[in-house]
C-alpha atoms as a PDB file:
ATOM      1  CA  MET A   1       5.854 -16.660 -17.118  1.00  0.00           C
ATOM      2  CA  SER A   2       8.041 -14.175 -18.892  1.00  0.00           C
ATOM      3  CA  THR A   3      11.400 -12.638 -17.655  1.00  0.00           C
ATOM      4  CA  MET A   4       9.726  -9.203 -18.317  1.00  0.00           C
ATOM      5  CA  GLN A   5       7.141 -10.123 -16.172  1.00  0.00           C
ATOM      6  CA  THR A   6       8.837 -11.462 -13.291  1.00  0.00           C
ATOM      7  CA  ILE A   7      10.329  -8.338 -12.735  1.00  0.00           C
ATOM      8  CA  GLU A   8       7.285  -6.098 -12.814  1.00  0.00           C
ATOM      9  CA  SER A   9       6.022  -8.503 -10.594  1.00  0.00           C
ATOM     10  CA  GLN A  10       9.048  -7.861  -7.971  1.00  0.00           C
ATOM     11  CA  ASN A  11       8.768  -3.828  -8.667  1.00  0.00           C
ATOM     12  CA  GLU A  12       5.010  -4.094  -7.966  1.00  0.00           C
ATOM     13  CA  ARG A  13       5.913  -5.896  -4.300  1.00  0.00           C
ATOM     14  CA  ALA A  14       9.254  -3.598  -3.702  1.00  0.00           C
ATOM     15  CA  VAL A  15       6.129  -0.990  -4.353  1.00  0.00           C
ATOM     16  CA  SER A  16       3.792  -2.021  -2.399  1.00  0.00           C
ATOM     17  CA  THR A  17       6.270  -2.789   0.646  1.00  0.00           C
ATOM     18  CA  LEU A  18       8.128   0.928   0.341  1.00  0.00           C
ATOM     19  CA  ARG A  19       4.041   2.400   0.782  1.00  0.00           C
ATOM     20  CA  THR A  20       3.493   0.462   3.800  1.00  0.00           C
ATOM     21  CA  ALA A  21       6.624   1.028   5.257  1.00  0.00           C
ATOM     22  CA  ILE A  22       5.834   4.983   4.968  1.00  0.00           C
ATOM     23  CA  LEU A  23       2.180   5.092   5.464  1.00  0.00           C
ATOM     24  CA  LEU A  24       3.078   2.851   8.682  1.00  0.00           C
ATOM     25  CA  GLY A  25       6.412   5.861   9.736  1.00  0.00           C
ATOM     26  CA  SER A  26       4.151   8.372   8.754  1.00  0.00           C
ATOM     27  CA  PHE A  27       0.741   7.123  10.819  1.00  0.00           C
ATOM     28  CA  SER A  28       3.195   6.868  14.097  1.00  0.00           C
ATOM     29  CA  PHE A  29       4.214  10.561  13.823  1.00  0.00           C
ATOM     30  CA  GLY A  30       1.156  11.674  12.787  1.00  0.00           C
ATOM     31  CA  ILE A  31      -0.861  10.513  15.913  1.00  0.00           C
ATOM     32  CA  LEU A  32       2.233  11.218  18.545  1.00  0.00           C
ATOM     33  CA  GLY A  33       2.532  15.026  17.222  1.00  0.00           C
ATOM     34  CA  PHE A  34      -1.534  14.799  17.787  1.00  0.00           C
ATOM     35  CA  SER A  35      -1.787  13.222  21.221  1.00  0.00           C
ATOM     36  CA  LEU A  36       1.806  14.316  23.014  1.00  0.00           C
ATOM     37  CA  PRO A  37      -0.335  17.605  23.836  1.00  0.00           C
ATOM     38  CA  ILE A  38      -3.562  16.255  25.444  1.00  0.00           C
ATOM     39  CA  TYR A  39      -1.029  13.744  27.217  1.00  0.00           C
ATOM     40  CA  ALA A  40       1.263  16.590  28.883  1.00  0.00           C
ATOM     41  CA  LYS A  41      -2.094  18.436  29.731  1.00  0.00           C
ATOM     42  CA  GLN A  42      -3.251  15.586  31.905  1.00  0.00           C
ATOM     43  CA  LEU A  43       0.236  15.374  33.524  1.00  0.00           C
ATOM     44  CA  GLY A  44      -0.257  18.999  34.561  1.00  0.00           C
ATOM     45  CA  ALA A  45       2.016  20.737  31.806  1.00  0.00           C
ATOM     46  CA  SER A  46       1.151  25.059  31.164  1.00  0.00           C
ATOM     47  CA  ALA A  47       0.798  25.973  26.917  1.00  0.00           C
ATOM     48  CA  LEU A  48       4.666  26.873  27.285  1.00  0.00           C
ATOM     49  CA  ASP A  49       5.575  23.349  28.009  1.00  0.00           C
ATOM     50  CA  ILE A  50       3.239  22.015  25.286  1.00  0.00           C
ATOM     51  CA  GLY A  51       5.036  24.261  23.223  1.00  0.00           C
ATOM     52  CA  GLY A  52       8.345  24.061  24.143  1.00  0.00           C
ATOM     53  CA  MET A  53       7.889  19.892  23.580  1.00  0.00           C
ATOM     54  CA  ILE A  54       5.949  20.731  20.526  1.00  0.00           C
ATOM     55  CA  SER A  55       8.797  22.449  18.743  1.00  0.00           C
ATOM     56  CA  ILE A  56      11.307  20.172  20.479  1.00  0.00           C
ATOM     57  CA  PHE A  57       9.603  17.175  18.412  1.00  0.00           C
ATOM     58  CA  ALA A  58       9.414  19.342  15.335  1.00  0.00           C
ATOM     59  CA  VAL A  59      13.167  20.262  15.454  1.00  0.00           C
ATOM     60  CA  MET A  60      14.164  16.631  16.064  1.00  0.00           C
ATOM     61  CA  ILE A  61      12.015  15.314  12.985  1.00  0.00           C
ATOM     62  CA  THR A  62      13.350  18.326  11.108  1.00  0.00           C
ATOM     63  CA  ILE A  63      17.016  16.664  11.894  1.00  0.00           C
ATOM     64  CA  ALA A  64      16.255  13.065  11.845  1.00  0.00           C
ATOM     65  CA  ARG A  65      14.574  12.684   8.575  1.00  0.00           C
ATOM     66  CA  PRO A  66      17.876  13.955   6.196  1.00  0.00           C
ATOM     67  CA  LEU A  67      19.971  10.905   8.157  1.00  0.00           C
ATOM     68  CA  VAL A  68      17.614   8.749   7.970  1.00  0.00           C
ATOM     69  CA  GLY A  69      17.117   9.386   4.652  1.00  0.00           C
ATOM     70  CA  TRP A  70      21.008   9.217   3.690  1.00  0.00           C
ATOM     71  CA  GLY A  71      21.270   5.765   5.678  1.00  0.00           C
ATOM     72  CA  ILE A  72      18.370   4.294   3.759  1.00  0.00           C
ATOM     73  CA  ASP A  73      19.657   5.346   0.628  1.00  0.00           C
ATOM     74  CA  HIS A  74      23.194   3.642   1.725  1.00  0.00           C
ATOM     75  CA  LEU A  75      21.925   0.699   2.826  1.00  0.00           C
ATOM     76  CA  ASP A  76      22.540  -2.628   0.233  1.00  0.00           C
ATOM     77  CA  ALA A  77      19.579  -2.963  -1.238  1.00  0.00           C
ATOM     78  CA  ASN A  78      19.821  -6.816  -1.663  1.00  0.00           C
ATOM     79  CA  PHE A  79      19.097  -6.411   2.138  1.00  0.00           C
ATOM     80  CA  PHE A  80      15.260  -6.448   1.894  1.00  0.00           C
ATOM     81  CA  TRP A  81      14.719  -8.709  -0.216  1.00  0.00           C
END
């Protein structure tokens, strides 16, 4: 196996790992956003309470994503491999 093929294989593995991490992270937020109103209603929350929870959830995601992205950008790339 040539050096170029080895590098391409490592890149494909890195992209596959990244895709899996993004999928799992997005899936969990999607399920949480979908199930939060259902569980809140079962616990006796009003429509205003549920709307407030969804709003807070959206604001927290908006704040957290740039911070998490900054943290990921500043980690040493060799930490994961």
